[in-house]
């Protein structure tokens, strides 16, 4: 696992009316400050990435659908420098992933439906502190986004 990244199982409370899907409480270990909360969607087969924040800590959950979430550690002083971490998250793996500053991340919609991704951040969006890079054609991260048969 990449240094500083946390994966936290989140609680789903189902009943005969529907369900509650916890995202973040001020008492959670990952909570440091409120910046903003937004929902991003991704269609099956589409990649959103790469991006990296210089100041912002991200807290992702997937409410509906599934994604392949991928991280790359480009911090030279990190014990996991240049490591890649990937996993599936979504309806059947309901977790929150906390991504510290300076860790590249991106995700791909998988399955047959649009995925709904919530991001709870510790600071508001600031276009000056985010860095973006093409997910398929770049000189830093050589990653194959295709699905792999296992």
C-alpha atoms as a PDB file:
ATOM      1  CA  UNK A   1       0.000   0.000   0.000  1.00  0.00           C
ATOM      2  CA  UNK A   2       1.236   3.479  -0.820  1.00  0.00           C
ATOM      3  CA  UNK A   3       2.485   5.428   2.199  1.00  0.00           C
ATOM      4  CA  UNK A   4      -0.189   7.734   3.599  1.00  0.00           C
ATOM      5  CA  UNK A   5      -3.081   6.209   1.621  1.00  0.00           C
ATOM      6  CA  UNK A   6      -5.836   4.817   3.845  1.00  0.00           C
ATOM      7  CA  UNK A   7      -8.648   2.485   2.885  1.00  0.00           C
ATOM      8  CA  UNK A   8     -11.492   2.546   5.388  1.00  0.00           C
ATOM      9  CA  UNK A   9     -14.499   0.242   5.283  1.00  0.00           C
ATOM     10  CA  UNK A  10     -17.660   2.320   5.400  1.00  0.00           C
ATOM     11  CA  UNK A  11     -20.965   1.309   6.898  1.00  0.00           C
ATOM     12  CA  UNK A  12     -24.085   0.523   4.885  1.00  0.00           C
ATOM     13  CA  UNK A  13     -27.318   0.319   6.852  1.00  0.00           C
ATOM     14  CA  UNK A  14     -30.031  -1.383   4.776  1.00  0.00           C
ATOM     15  CA  UNK A  15     -33.681  -1.767   5.708  1.00  0.00           C
ATOM     16  CA  UNK A  16     -36.979  -2.370   3.937  1.00  0.00           C
ATOM     17  CA  UNK A  17     -37.092   1.283   2.755  1.00  0.00           C
ATOM     18  CA  UNK A  18     -33.625   1.469   1.209  1.00  0.00           C
ATOM     19  CA  UNK A  19     -30.218   2.092   2.758  1.00  0.00           C
ATOM     20  CA  UNK A  20     -27.940   4.640   4.410  1.00  0.00           C
ATOM     21  CA  UNK A  21     -24.356   4.790   3.155  1.00  0.00           C
ATOM     22  CA  UNK A  22     -22.041   6.593   5.577  1.00  0.00           C
ATOM     23  CA  UNK A  23     -19.403   8.814   3.977  1.00  0.00           C
ATOM     24  CA  UNK A  24     -17.740  11.111   6.575  1.00  0.00           C
ATOM     25  CA  UNK A  25     -18.310  12.267  10.134  1.00  0.00           C
ATOM     26  CA  UNK A  26     -16.384  14.999  11.911  1.00  0.00           C
ATOM     27  CA  UNK A  27     -15.359  12.343  14.441  1.00  0.00           C
ATOM     28  CA  UNK A  28     -13.708  10.151  11.742  1.00  0.00           C
ATOM     29  CA  UNK A  29      -9.926   9.815  11.845  1.00  0.00           C
ATOM     30  CA  UNK A  30      -9.681  11.038   8.231  1.00  0.00           C
ATOM     31  CA  UNK A  31     -11.583  14.254   8.935  1.00  0.00           C
ATOM     32  CA  UNK A  32      -9.296  17.248   9.357  1.00  0.00           C
ATOM     33  CA  UNK A  33     -11.307  20.133   7.874  1.00  0.00           C
ATOM     34  CA  UNK A  34     -14.185  20.721   5.512  1.00  0.00           C
ATOM     35  CA  UNK A  35     -13.230  22.006   2.081  1.00  0.00           C
ATOM     36  CA  UNK A  36     -15.943  20.763  -0.245  1.00  0.00           C
ATOM     37  CA  UNK A  37     -17.944  17.701  -1.273  1.00  0.00           C
ATOM     38  CA  UNK A  38     -18.729  16.933  -4.871  1.00  0.00           C
ATOM     39  CA  UNK A  39     -19.995  14.077  -7.012  1.00  0.00           C
ATOM     40  CA  UNK A  40     -18.238  13.011 -10.186  1.00  0.00           C
ATOM     41  CA  UNK A  41     -19.578  10.373 -12.543  1.00  0.00           C
ATOM     42  CA  UNK A  42     -17.700   8.158 -14.952  1.00  0.00           C
ATOM     43  CA  UNK A  43     -19.065   5.997 -17.741  1.00  0.00           C
ATOM     44  CA  UNK A  44     -17.958   2.369 -18.208  1.00  0.00           C
ATOM     45  CA  UNK A  45     -14.590   2.177 -19.943  1.00  0.00           C
ATOM     46  CA  UNK A  46     -13.725   5.862 -19.414  1.00  0.00           C
ATOM     47  CA  UNK A  47     -10.585   6.908 -17.503  1.00  0.00           C
ATOM     48  CA  UNK A  48     -10.465  10.047 -15.354  1.00  0.00           C
ATOM     49  CA  UNK A  49      -6.867  10.751 -14.454  1.00  0.00           C
ATOM     50  CA  UNK A  50      -4.089  11.328 -13.856  1.00  0.00           C
ATOM     51  CA  UNK A  51      -4.212  14.163 -11.377  1.00  0.00           C
ATOM     52  CA  UNK A  52      -2.304  15.132  -8.254  1.00  0.00           C
ATOM     53  CA  UNK A  53      -2.958  17.778  -5.610  1.00  0.00           C
ATOM     54  CA  UNK A  54      -0.183  19.772  -3.919  1.00  0.00           C
ATOM     55  CA  UNK A  55      -2.223  20.686  -0.807  1.00  0.00           C
ATOM     56  CA  UNK A  56      -5.574  18.878  -0.876  1.00  0.00           C
ATOM     57  CA  UNK A  57      -6.331  15.560   0.833  1.00  0.00           C
ATOM     58  CA  UNK A  58      -8.984  13.556  -1.019  1.00  0.00           C
ATOM     59  CA  UNK A  59     -11.521  11.137   0.452  1.00  0.00           C
ATOM     60  CA  UNK A  60     -13.267   9.093  -2.249  1.00  0.00           C
ATOM     61  CA  UNK A  61     -16.285   6.789  -1.975  1.00  0.00           C
ATOM     62  CA  UNK A  62     -18.331   5.226  -4.776  1.00  0.00           C
ATOM     63  CA  UNK A  63     -22.074   5.327  -4.147  1.00  0.00           C
ATOM     64  CA  UNK A  64     -23.253   3.537  -7.261  1.00  0.00           C
ATOM     65  CA  UNK A  65     -21.418   1.488  -9.868  1.00  0.00           C
ATOM     66  CA  UNK A  66     -17.772   0.406  -9.702  1.00  0.00           C
ATOM     67  CA  UNK A  67     -14.382   1.856 -10.556  1.00  0.00           C
ATOM     68  CA  UNK A  68     -10.814   0.656 -10.797  1.00  0.00           C
ATOM     69  CA  UNK A  69      -8.926   3.181  -8.644  1.00  0.00           C
ATOM     70  CA  UNK A  70      -5.189   3.598  -9.261  1.00  0.00           C
ATOM     71  CA  UNK A  71      -2.546   5.524  -7.309  1.00  0.00           C
ATOM     72  CA  UNK A  72       1.077   6.334  -8.118  1.00  0.00           C
ATOM     73  CA  UNK A  73       3.569   7.597  -5.528  1.00  0.00           C
ATOM     74  CA  UNK A  74       5.888  10.212  -7.024  1.00  0.00           C
ATOM     75  CA  UNK A  75       7.223  11.508  -3.690  1.00  0.00           C
ATOM     76  CA  UNK A  76      11.029  10.904  -3.679  1.00  0.00           C
ATOM     77  CA  UNK A  77      11.170  10.849   0.144  1.00  0.00           C
ATOM     78  CA  UNK A  78       8.396   8.245   0.454  1.00  0.00           C
ATOM     79  CA  UNK A  79       9.168   4.578   1.267  1.00  0.00           C
ATOM     80  CA  UNK A  80       6.727   3.655  -1.519  1.00  0.00           C
ATOM     81  CA  UNK A  81       8.292   5.967  -4.135  1.00  0.00           C
ATOM     82  CA  UNK A  82       7.319   4.943  -7.708  1.00  0.00           C
ATOM     83  CA  UNK A  83       4.907   2.237  -6.527  1.00  0.00           C
ATOM     84  CA  UNK A  84       1.510   1.720  -8.126  1.00  0.00           C
ATOM     85  CA  UNK A  85      -1.523   0.609  -6.143  1.00  0.00           C
ATOM     86  CA  UNK A  86      -4.774  -0.456  -7.786  1.00  0.00           C
ATOM     87  CA  UNK A  87      -8.064  -1.866  -6.546  1.00  0.00           C
ATOM     88  CA  UNK A  88     -11.754  -1.979  -7.307  1.00  0.00           C
ATOM     89  CA  UNK A  89     -14.173   0.042  -5.224  1.00  0.00           C
ATOM     90  CA  UNK A  90     -17.903   0.509  -5.461  1.00  0.00           C
ATOM     91  CA  UNK A  91     -21.178  -1.052  -4.465  1.00  0.00           C
ATOM     92  CA  UNK A  92     -19.642  -4.416  -3.538  1.00  0.00           C
ATOM     93  CA  UNK A  93     -16.522  -2.928  -1.960  1.00  0.00           C
ATOM     94  CA  UNK A  94     -17.860   0.093  -0.091  1.00  0.00           C
ATOM     95  CA  UNK A  95     -14.777   1.854   1.254  1.00  0.00           C
ATOM     96  CA  UNK A  96     -13.388   5.346   1.558  1.00  0.00           C
ATOM     97  CA  UNK A  97      -9.931   5.931   0.096  1.00  0.00           C
ATOM     98  CA  UNK A  98      -7.938   8.787   1.590  1.00  0.00           C
ATOM     99  CA  UNK A  99      -5.283  10.172  -0.757  1.00  0.00           C
ATOM    100  CA  UNK A 100      -2.643  12.530   0.654  1.00  0.00           C
ATOM    101  CA  UNK A 101      -1.138  15.429  -1.305  1.00  0.00           C
ATOM    102  CA  UNK A 102       1.445  14.622  -4.017  1.00  0.00           C
ATOM    103  CA  UNK A 103       0.057  11.142  -4.788  1.00  0.00           C
ATOM    104  CA  UNK A 104      -1.121  10.790  -8.392  1.00  0.00           C
ATOM    105  CA  UNK A 105      -4.537   9.168  -8.796  1.00  0.00           C
ATOM    106  CA  UNK A 106      -7.130   8.285 -11.366  1.00  0.00           C
ATOM    107  CA  UNK A 107      -9.970   5.894 -11.949  1.00  0.00           C
ATOM    108  CA  UNK A 108     -11.713   3.962 -14.665  1.00  0.00           C
ATOM    109  CA  UNK A 109     -15.415   3.172 -14.807  1.00  0.00           C
ATOM    110  CA  UNK A 110     -15.912  -0.589 -14.918  1.00  0.00           C
ATOM    111  CA  UNK A 111     -18.992  -2.744 -15.261  1.00  0.00           C
ATOM    112  CA  UNK A 112     -22.080  -1.810 -17.266  1.00  0.00           C
ATOM    113  CA  UNK A 113     -23.356   1.360 -15.588  1.00  0.00           C
ATOM    114  CA  UNK A 114     -22.232   4.896 -14.833  1.00  0.00           C
ATOM    115  CA  UNK A 115     -20.394   5.108 -11.488  1.00  0.00           C
ATOM    116  CA  UNK A 116     -21.117   7.899  -8.998  1.00  0.00           C
ATOM    117  CA  UNK A 117     -17.999   8.958  -7.079  1.00  0.00           C
ATOM    118  CA  UNK A 118     -18.117  11.293  -4.059  1.00  0.00           C
ATOM    119  CA  UNK A 119     -15.019  13.241  -3.011  1.00  0.00           C
ATOM    120  CA  UNK A 120     -14.894  14.883   0.424  1.00  0.00           C
ATOM    121  CA  UNK A 121     -11.896  17.242   0.579  1.00  0.00           C
ATOM    122  CA  UNK A 122     -10.165  19.232   3.294  1.00  0.00           C
ATOM    123  CA  UNK A 123      -9.826  22.460   1.261  1.00  0.00           C
ATOM    124  CA  UNK A 124     -11.959  24.008  -1.504  1.00  0.00           C
ATOM    125  CA  UNK A 125     -10.943  23.428  -5.126  1.00  0.00           C
ATOM    126  CA  UNK A 126      -8.045  25.616  -6.233  1.00  0.00           C
ATOM    127  CA  UNK A 127      -6.972  25.294  -9.870  1.00  0.00           C
ATOM    128  CA  UNK A 128      -3.450  26.439  -8.923  1.00  0.00           C
ATOM    129  CA  UNK A 129      -2.756  23.441  -6.684  1.00  0.00           C
ATOM    130  CA  UNK A 130      -3.833  20.609  -9.013  1.00  0.00           C
ATOM    131  CA  UNK A 131      -1.610  19.044 -11.667  1.00  0.00           C
ATOM    132  CA  UNK A 132      -3.084  16.968 -14.503  1.00  0.00           C
ATOM    133  CA  UNK A 133      -1.510  14.474 -16.867  1.00  0.00           C
ATOM    134  CA  UNK A 134      -2.818  12.365 -19.750  1.00  0.00           C
ATOM    135  CA  UNK A 135      -3.770   8.891 -18.433  1.00  0.00           C
ATOM    136  CA  UNK A 136      -2.476   7.067 -21.522  1.00  0.00           C
ATOM    137  CA  UNK A 137       0.352   9.161 -22.940  1.00  0.00           C
ATOM    138  CA  UNK A 138       2.801  10.641 -20.467  1.00  0.00           C
ATOM    139  CA  UNK A 139       6.469  10.244 -19.512  1.00  0.00           C
ATOM    140  CA  UNK A 140       5.964   9.532 -15.792  1.00  0.00           C
ATOM    141  CA  UNK A 141       3.423   6.766 -15.167  1.00  0.00           C
ATOM    142  CA  UNK A 142       3.450   3.757 -17.473  1.00  0.00           C
ATOM    143  CA  UNK A 143       0.155   2.099 -16.601  1.00  0.00           C
ATOM    144  CA  UNK A 144      -2.110  -0.120 -18.684  1.00  0.00           C
ATOM    145  CA  UNK A 145      -5.720   0.834 -17.901  1.00  0.00           C
ATOM    146  CA  UNK A 146      -7.193  -2.184 -19.676  1.00  0.00           C
ATOM    147  CA  UNK A 147      -9.086  -4.764 -17.651  1.00  0.00           C
ATOM    148  CA  UNK A 148      -7.069  -7.884 -16.941  1.00  0.00           C
ATOM    149  CA  UNK A 149      -8.455 -11.393 -17.023  1.00  0.00           C
ATOM    150  CA  UNK A 150      -7.456 -13.305 -13.915  1.00  0.00           C
END
